[in-house]
Amino acid sequence: IQALVEQVVTAVGSLSPLHVARVARGLGEAGVREEKVWELLLGVVEERHAALLTENIADILAGMAAAEKLPPKTLEVLYTRALKTIPTASPEASIKLIAGLRDLPSSSMARGKPALVTNLMGNIR
């Protein structure tokens, strides 16, 4: 895992939104909690949020939750972006994001969850 973390640190600036999402989910599920790698990865998320799709946001949130890395600024950026992606989100992507939101601690949801979940539910019906 350490070799993978080093590769992520080296390549983080060149990762596509899909790769950032997959790396975040994978690192979280692998239990990687190194501050440096998460700081770099979430910095890229904040900088490039406009390119993220609903599916990417779901994976990033899943990784953040698994690693217990939930900076309020990053969450707010992701919630705001997720609201903008809803009109083009598939029902499957909407379900994936709802499931990801469910896994976050309730304390991290105070600002974004109600409106986001309500709007995502509209894509499922």
Foldseek 3Di string as FASTA:
>chain_A
DVVVLVVCLVCVVPDDLVRLLVVLLVCLVVQPQDPSSVVSSLVVCLVPVLRHALQSLLSNLNSCLSNVNQDLVSLVSSLVSLVVRLVVDALVSLVSNVVSVVSHPVVSPVPRPPVNNVSSVVNND
